[in-house]
Amino acid sequence: MVESSIAVLLFALFILQYPAALLVRLDAKRLNIETPEQWRLAVVFLFLGWIVVAVYLYRRDELADHGN
């Protein structure tokens, strides 16, 4: 029972990473950050993609300043 609940939770988190990755990429592109695709890939392919989302949101203004 516990194993199936954990599997469902991990699957749901994995499925939610794709829309989050798309939003990160679109936002990074809008802010003219030099590497929006790297941020998207980091969110999708890292198991802990939500940590990458948090880091991106924390540093997005700083990254945008460097992109201009």
PDB file of N, CA and C in Angstrom:
ATOM      1  N   MET A   1       0.819  -1.199   0.000  1.00  0.00           N
ATOM      2  CA  MET A   1       0.000   0.000   0.000  1.00  0.00           C
ATOM      3  C   MET A   1       0.862   1.262   0.000  1.00  0.00           C
ATOM      4  N   VAL A   2       1.842   1.307   0.880  1.00  0.00           N
ATOM      5  CA  VAL A   2       2.699   2.485   0.978  1.00  0.00           C
ATOM      6  C   VAL A   2       3.507   2.660  -0.298  1.00  0.00           C
ATOM      7  N   GLU A   3       4.007   1.534  -0.843  1.00  0.00           N
ATOM      8  CA  GLU A   3       4.804   1.615  -2.065  1.00  0.00           C
ATOM      9  C   GLU A   3       3.990   2.176  -3.221  1.00  0.00           C
ATOM     10  N   SER A   4       2.739   1.774  -3.339  1.00  0.00           N
ATOM     11  CA  SER A   4       1.912   2.277  -4.437  1.00  0.00           C
ATOM     12  C   SER A   4       1.589   3.761  -4.239  1.00  0.00           C
ATOM     13  N   SER A   5       1.395   4.181  -3.006  1.00  0.00           N
ATOM     14  CA  SER A   5       1.139   5.603  -2.742  1.00  0.00           C
ATOM     15  C   SER A   5       2.349   6.452  -3.092  1.00  0.00           C
ATOM     16  N   ILE A   6       3.527   5.957  -2.743  1.00  0.00           N
ATOM     17  CA  ILE A   6       4.760   6.677  -3.069  1.00  0.00           C
ATOM     18  C   ILE A   6       4.954   6.736  -4.574  1.00  0.00           C
ATOM     19  N   ALA A   7       4.670   5.635  -5.259  1.00  0.00           N
ATOM     20  CA  ALA A   7       4.815   5.604  -6.712  1.00  0.00           C
ATOM     21  C   ALA A   7       3.865   6.599  -7.373  1.00  0.00           C
ATOM     22  N   VAL A   8       2.647   6.667  -6.898  1.00  0.00           N
ATOM     23  CA  VAL A   8       1.669   7.611  -7.454  1.00  0.00           C
ATOM     24  C   VAL A   8       2.121   9.046  -7.198  1.00  0.00           C
ATOM     25  N   LEU A   9       2.611   9.323  -6.005  1.00  0.00           N
ATOM     26  CA  LEU A   9       3.092  10.662  -5.672  1.00  0.00           C
ATOM     27  C   LEU A   9       4.272  11.061  -6.552  1.00  0.00           C
ATOM     28  N   LEU A  10       5.236  10.170  -6.729  1.00  0.00           N
ATOM     29  CA  LEU A  10       6.392  10.469  -7.575  1.00  0.00           C
ATOM     30  C   LEU A  10       5.978  10.669  -9.027  1.00  0.00           C
ATOM     31  N   PHE A  11       5.037   9.866  -9.502  1.00  0.00           N
ATOM     32  CA  PHE A  11       4.547  10.014 -10.869  1.00  0.00           C
ATOM     33  C   PHE A  11       3.855  11.369 -11.046  1.00  0.00           C
ATOM     34  N   ALA A  12       3.044  11.757 -10.078  1.00  0.00           N
ATOM     35  CA  ALA A  12       2.355  13.054 -10.156  1.00  0.00           C
ATOM     36  C   ALA A  12       3.357  14.201 -10.158  1.00  0.00           C
ATOM     37  N   LEU A  13       4.369  14.126  -9.309  1.00  0.00           N
ATOM     38  CA  LEU A  13       5.392  15.170  -9.290  1.00  0.00           C
ATOM     39  C   LEU A  13       6.132  15.233 -10.617  1.00  0.00           C
ATOM     40  N   PHE A  14       6.430  14.076 -11.191  1.00  0.00           N
ATOM     41  CA  PHE A  14       7.126  14.026 -12.472  1.00  0.00           C
ATOM     42  C   PHE A  14       6.278  14.649 -13.572  1.00  0.00           C
ATOM     43  N   ILE A  15       4.987  14.340 -13.596  1.00  0.00           N
ATOM     44  CA  ILE A  15       4.079  14.894 -14.606  1.00  0.00           C
ATOM     45  C   ILE A  15       3.959  16.413 -14.439  1.00  0.00           C
ATOM     46  N   LEU A  16       3.955  16.909 -13.224  1.00  0.00           N
ATOM     47  CA  LEU A  16       3.843  18.348 -12.983  1.00  0.00           C
ATOM     48  C   LEU A  16       5.113  19.102 -13.347  1.00  0.00           C
ATOM     49  N   GLN A  17       6.243  18.391 -13.458  1.00  0.00           N
ATOM     50  CA  GLN A  17       7.490  19.060 -13.801  1.00  0.00           C
ATOM     51  C   GLN A  17       7.464  19.608 -15.227  1.00  0.00           C
ATOM     52  N   TYR A  18       6.779  18.962 -16.151  1.00  0.00           N
ATOM     53  CA  TYR A  18       6.769  19.430 -17.537  1.00  0.00           C
ATOM     54  C   TYR A  18       6.120  20.804 -17.695  1.00  0.00           C
ATOM     55  N   PRO A  19       4.929  21.043 -17.145  1.00  0.00           N
ATOM     56  CA  PRO A  19       4.382  22.406 -17.242  1.00  0.00           C
ATOM     57  C   PRO A  19       5.248  23.428 -16.509  1.00  0.00           C
ATOM     58  N   ALA A  20       5.819  23.034 -15.375  1.00  0.00           N
ATOM     59  CA  ALA A  20       6.697  23.955 -14.643  1.00  0.00           C
ATOM     60  C   ALA A  20       7.919  24.291 -15.487  1.00  0.00           C
ATOM     61  N   ALA A  21       8.472  23.302 -16.174  1.00  0.00           N
ATOM     62  CA  ALA A  21       9.640  23.534 -17.025  1.00  0.00           C
ATOM     63  C   ALA A  21       9.296  24.481 -18.167  1.00  0.00           C
ATOM     64  N   LEU A  22       8.135  24.310 -18.745  1.00  0.00           N
ATOM     65  CA  LEU A  22       7.710  25.195 -19.828  1.00  0.00           C
ATOM     66  C   LEU A  22       7.545  26.628 -19.322  1.00  0.00           C
ATOM     67  N   LEU A  23       6.949  26.788 -18.158  1.00  0.00           N
ATOM     68  CA  LEU A  23       6.777  28.132 -17.597  1.00  0.00           C
ATOM     69  C   LEU A  23       8.118  28.782 -17.273  1.00  0.00           C
ATOM     70  N   VAL A  24       9.056  28.005 -16.748  1.00  0.00           N
ATOM     71  CA  VAL A  24      10.391  28.542 -16.458  1.00  0.00           C
ATOM     72  C   VAL A  24      11.058  28.992 -17.746  1.00  0.00           C
ATOM     73  N   ARG A  25      10.968  28.184 -18.802  1.00  0.00           N
ATOM     74  CA  ARG A  25      11.597  28.535 -20.080  1.00  0.00           C
ATOM     75  C   ARG A  25      10.979  29.805 -20.667  1.00  0.00           C
ATOM     76  N   LEU A  26       9.649  29.880 -20.662  1.00  0.00           N
ATOM     77  CA  LEU A  26       8.981  31.058 -21.212  1.00  0.00           C
ATOM     78  C   LEU A  26       9.336  32.317 -20.429  1.00  0.00           C
ATOM     79  N   ASP A  27       9.387  32.207 -19.112  1.00  0.00           N
ATOM     80  CA  ASP A  27       9.736  33.357 -18.290  1.00  0.00           C
ATOM     81  C   ASP A  27      11.184  33.766 -18.526  1.00  0.00           C
ATOM     82  N   ALA A  28      12.080  32.805 -18.607  1.00  0.00           N
ATOM     83  CA  ALA A  28      13.496  33.110 -18.849  1.00  0.00           C
ATOM     84  C   ALA A  28      13.678  33.763 -20.219  1.00  0.00           C
ATOM     85  N   LYS A  29      12.936  33.284 -21.204  1.00  0.00           N
ATOM     86  CA  LYS A  29      13.025  33.878 -22.539  1.00  0.00           C
ATOM     87  C   LYS A  29      12.475  35.310 -22.530  1.00  0.00           C
ATOM     88  N   ARG A  30      11.388  35.526 -21.810  1.00  0.00           N
ATOM     89  CA  ARG A  30      10.787  36.859 -21.713  1.00  0.00           C
ATOM     90  C   ARG A  30      11.737  37.846 -21.044  1.00  0.00           C
ATOM     91  N   LEU A  31      12.512  37.366 -20.092  1.00  0.00           N
ATOM     92  CA  LEU A  31      13.464  38.218 -19.382  1.00  0.00           C
ATOM     93  C   LEU A  31      14.807  38.324 -20.104  1.00  0.00           C
ATOM     94  N   ASN A  32      14.912  37.719 -21.277  1.00  0.00           N
ATOM     95  CA  ASN A  32      16.146  37.718 -22.073  1.00  0.00           C
ATOM     96  C   ASN A  32      17.335  37.115 -21.334  1.00  0.00           C
ATOM     97  N   ILE A  33      17.071  36.080 -20.563  1.00  0.00           N
ATOM     98  CA  ILE A  33      18.154  35.352 -19.902  1.00  0.00           C
ATOM     99  C   ILE A  33      18.876  34.544 -20.971  1.00  0.00           C
ATOM    100  N   GLU A  34      20.198  34.510 -20.897  1.00  0.00           N
ATOM    101  CA  GLU A  34      21.001  33.916 -21.967  1.00  0.00           C
ATOM    102  C   GLU A  34      20.695  32.443 -22.225  1.00  0.00           C
ATOM    103  N   THR A  35      20.355  31.675 -21.220  1.00  0.00           N
ATOM    104  CA  THR A  35      20.201  30.230 -21.384  1.00  0.00           C
ATOM    105  C   THR A  35      18.840  29.725 -20.889  1.00  0.00           C
ATOM    106  N   PRO A  36      17.742  30.139 -21.509  1.00  0.00           N
ATOM    107  CA  PRO A  36      16.436  29.676 -21.024  1.00  0.00           C
ATOM    108  C   PRO A  36      16.247  28.171 -21.192  1.00  0.00           C
ATOM    109  N   GLU A  37      16.843  27.614 -22.241  1.00  0.00           N
ATOM    110  CA  GLU A  37      16.680  26.178 -22.491  1.00  0.00           C
ATOM    111  C   GLU A  37      17.386  25.339 -21.430  1.00  0.00           C
ATOM    112  N   GLN A  38      18.504  25.808 -20.917  1.00  0.00           N
ATOM    113  CA  GLN A  38      19.200  25.073 -19.852  1.00  0.00           C
ATOM    114  C   GLN A  38      18.348  25.005 -18.592  1.00  0.00           C
ATOM    115  N   TRP A  39      17.659  26.078 -18.284  1.00  0.00           N
ATOM    116  CA  TRP A  39      16.794  26.064 -17.109  1.00  0.00           C
ATOM    117  C   TRP A  39      15.649  25.078 -17.308  1.00  0.00           C
ATOM    118  N   ARG A  40      15.074  25.053 -18.499  1.00  0.00           N
ATOM    119  CA  ARG A  40      13.985  24.105 -18.774  1.00  0.00           C
ATOM    120  C   ARG A  40      14.466  22.674 -18.631  1.00  0.00           C
ATOM    121  N   LEU A  41      15.616  22.378 -19.221  1.00  0.00           N
ATOM    122  CA  LEU A  41      16.151  21.021 -19.146  1.00  0.00           C
ATOM    123  C   LEU A  41      16.488  20.625 -17.717  1.00  0.00           C
ATOM    124  N   ALA A  42      16.985  21.557 -16.944  1.00  0.00           N
ATOM    125  CA  ALA A  42      17.304  21.254 -15.549  1.00  0.00           C
ATOM    126  C   ALA A  42      16.048  20.879 -14.768  1.00  0.00           C
ATOM    127  N   VAL A  43      14.955  21.563 -15.050  1.00  0.00           N
ATOM    128  CA  VAL A  43      13.704  21.252 -14.350  1.00  0.00           C
ATOM    129  C   VAL A  43      13.181  19.888 -14.783  1.00  0.00           C
ATOM    130  N   VAL A  44      13.262  19.565 -16.065  1.00  0.00           N
ATOM    131  CA  VAL A  44      12.703  18.316 -16.573  1.00  0.00           C
ATOM    132  C   VAL A  44      13.546  17.111 -16.187  1.00  0.00           C
ATOM    133  N   PHE A  45      14.850  17.189 -16.377  1.00  0.00           N
ATOM    134  CA  PHE A  45      15.669  15.995 -16.273  1.00  0.00           C
ATOM    135  C   PHE A  45      16.230  15.719 -14.887  1.00  0.00           C
ATOM    136  N   LEU A  46      16.288  16.684 -14.048  1.00  0.00           N
ATOM    137  CA  LEU A  46      16.748  16.419 -12.693  1.00  0.00           C
ATOM    138  C   LEU A  46      15.593  15.866 -11.873  1.00  0.00           C
ATOM    139  N   PHE A  47      15.876  14.862 -11.094  1.00  0.00           N
ATOM    140  CA  PHE A  47      14.835  14.276 -10.250  1.00  0.00           C
ATOM    141  C   PHE A  47      14.294  15.315  -9.274  1.00  0.00           C
ATOM    142  N   LEU A  48      15.147  16.206  -8.857  1.00  0.00           N
ATOM    143  CA  LEU A  48      14.735  17.246  -7.915  1.00  0.00           C
ATOM    144  C   LEU A  48      14.475  18.557  -8.648  1.00  0.00           C
ATOM    145  N   GLY A  49      13.738  18.482  -9.719  1.00  0.00           N
ATOM    146  CA  GLY A  49      13.462  19.651 -10.544  1.00  0.00           C
ATOM    147  C   GLY A  49      12.808  20.798  -9.795  1.00  0.00           C
ATOM    148  N   TRP A  50      12.075  20.484  -8.741  1.00  0.00           N
ATOM    149  CA  TRP A  50      11.414  21.546  -7.978  1.00  0.00           C
ATOM    150  C   TRP A  50      12.423  22.420  -7.254  1.00  0.00           C
ATOM    151  N   ILE A  51      13.576  21.853  -6.923  1.00  0.00           N
ATOM    152  CA  ILE A  51      14.640  22.666  -6.326  1.00  0.00           C
ATOM    153  C   ILE A  51      15.164  23.649  -7.367  1.00  0.00           C
ATOM    154  N   VAL A  52      15.297  23.191  -8.607  1.00  0.00           N
ATOM    155  CA  VAL A  52      15.752  24.067  -9.689  1.00  0.00           C
ATOM    156  C   VAL A  52      14.746  25.194  -9.902  1.00  0.00           C
ATOM    157  N   VAL A  53      13.461  24.886  -9.838  1.00  0.00           N
ATOM    158  CA  VAL A  53      12.429  25.919  -9.981  1.00  0.00           C
ATOM    159  C   VAL A  53      12.589  26.962  -8.875  1.00  0.00           C
ATOM    160  N   ALA A  54      12.806  26.512  -7.655  1.00  0.00           N
ATOM    161  CA  ALA A  54      12.977  27.448  -6.539  1.00  0.00           C
ATOM    162  C   ALA A  54      14.214  28.322  -6.733  1.00  0.00           C
ATOM    163  N   VAL A  55      15.324  27.720  -7.176  1.00  0.00           N
ATOM    164  CA  VAL A  55      16.552  28.486  -7.420  1.00  0.00           C
ATOM    165  C   VAL A  55      16.321  29.495  -8.536  1.00  0.00           C
ATOM    166  N   TYR A  56      15.649  29.065  -9.600  1.00  0.00           N
ATOM    167  CA  TYR A  56      15.367  29.974 -10.714  1.00  0.00           C
ATOM    168  C   TYR A  56      14.530  31.163 -10.237  1.00  0.00           C
ATOM    169  N   LEU A  57      13.467  30.893  -9.513  1.00  0.00           N
ATOM    170  CA  LEU A  57      12.607  31.982  -9.048  1.00  0.00           C
ATOM    171  C   LEU A  57      13.359  32.925  -8.119  1.00  0.00           C
ATOM    172  N   TYR A  58      14.265  32.391  -7.328  1.00  0.00           N
ATOM    173  CA  TYR A  58      15.048  33.221  -6.415  1.00  0.00           C
ATOM    174  C   TYR A  58      16.034  34.101  -7.174  1.00  0.00           C
ATOM    175  N   ARG A  59      16.624  33.583  -8.264  1.00  0.00           N
ATOM    176  CA  ARG A  59      17.688  34.292  -8.972  1.00  0.00           C
ATOM    177  C   ARG A  59      17.235  34.936 -10.273  1.00  0.00           C
ATOM    178  N   ARG A  60      15.975  34.899 -10.622  1.00  0.00           N
ATOM    179  CA  ARG A  60      15.536  35.331 -11.950  1.00  0.00           C
ATOM    180  C   ARG A  60      15.838  36.796 -12.234  1.00  0.00           C
ATOM    181  N   ASP A  61      15.703  37.668 -11.269  1.00  0.00           N
ATOM    182  CA  ASP A  61      16.020  39.084 -11.501  1.00  0.00           C
ATOM    183  C   ASP A  61      17.512  39.276 -11.743  1.00  0.00           C
ATOM    184  N   GLU A  62      18.318  38.587 -10.969  1.00  0.00           N
ATOM    185  CA  GLU A  62      19.773  38.657 -11.149  1.00  0.00           C
ATOM    186  C   GLU A  62      20.174  38.113 -12.521  1.00  0.00           C
ATOM    187  N   LEU A  63      19.553  37.016 -12.933  1.00  0.00           N
ATOM    188  CA  LEU A  63      19.855  36.431 -14.240  1.00  0.00           C
ATOM    189  C   LEU A  63      19.417  37.357 -15.370  1.00  0.00           C
ATOM    190  N   ALA A  64      18.279  38.003 -15.203  1.00  0.00           N
ATOM    191  CA  ALA A  64      17.783  38.917 -16.234  1.00  0.00           C
ATOM    192  C   ALA A  64      18.717  40.107 -16.393  1.00  0.00           C
ATOM    193  N   ASP A  65      19.279  40.597 -15.305  1.00  0.00           N
ATOM    194  CA  ASP A  65      20.221  41.716 -15.382  1.00  0.00           C
ATOM    195  C   ASP A  65      21.466  41.337 -16.162  1.00  0.00           C
ATOM    196  N   HIS A  66      21.914  40.092 -16.027  1.00  0.00           N
ATOM    197  CA  HIS A  66      23.104  39.639 -16.742  1.00  0.00           C
ATOM    198  C   HIS A  66      22.807  39.361 -18.211  1.00  0.00           C
ATOM    199  N   GLY A  67      21.534  39.082 -18.544  1.00  0.00           N
ATOM    200  CA  GLY A  67      21.167  38.792 -19.922  1.00  0.00           C
ATOM    201  C   GLY A  67      21.120  40.022 -20.805  1.00  0.00           C
ATOM    202  N   ASN A  68      20.974  41.194 -20.235  1.00  0.00           N
ATOM    203  CA  ASN A  68      20.869  42.435 -21.019  1.00  0.00           C
ATOM    204  C   ASN A  68      22.210  43.016 -21.326  1.00  0.00           C
TER     205      ASN A  68
END
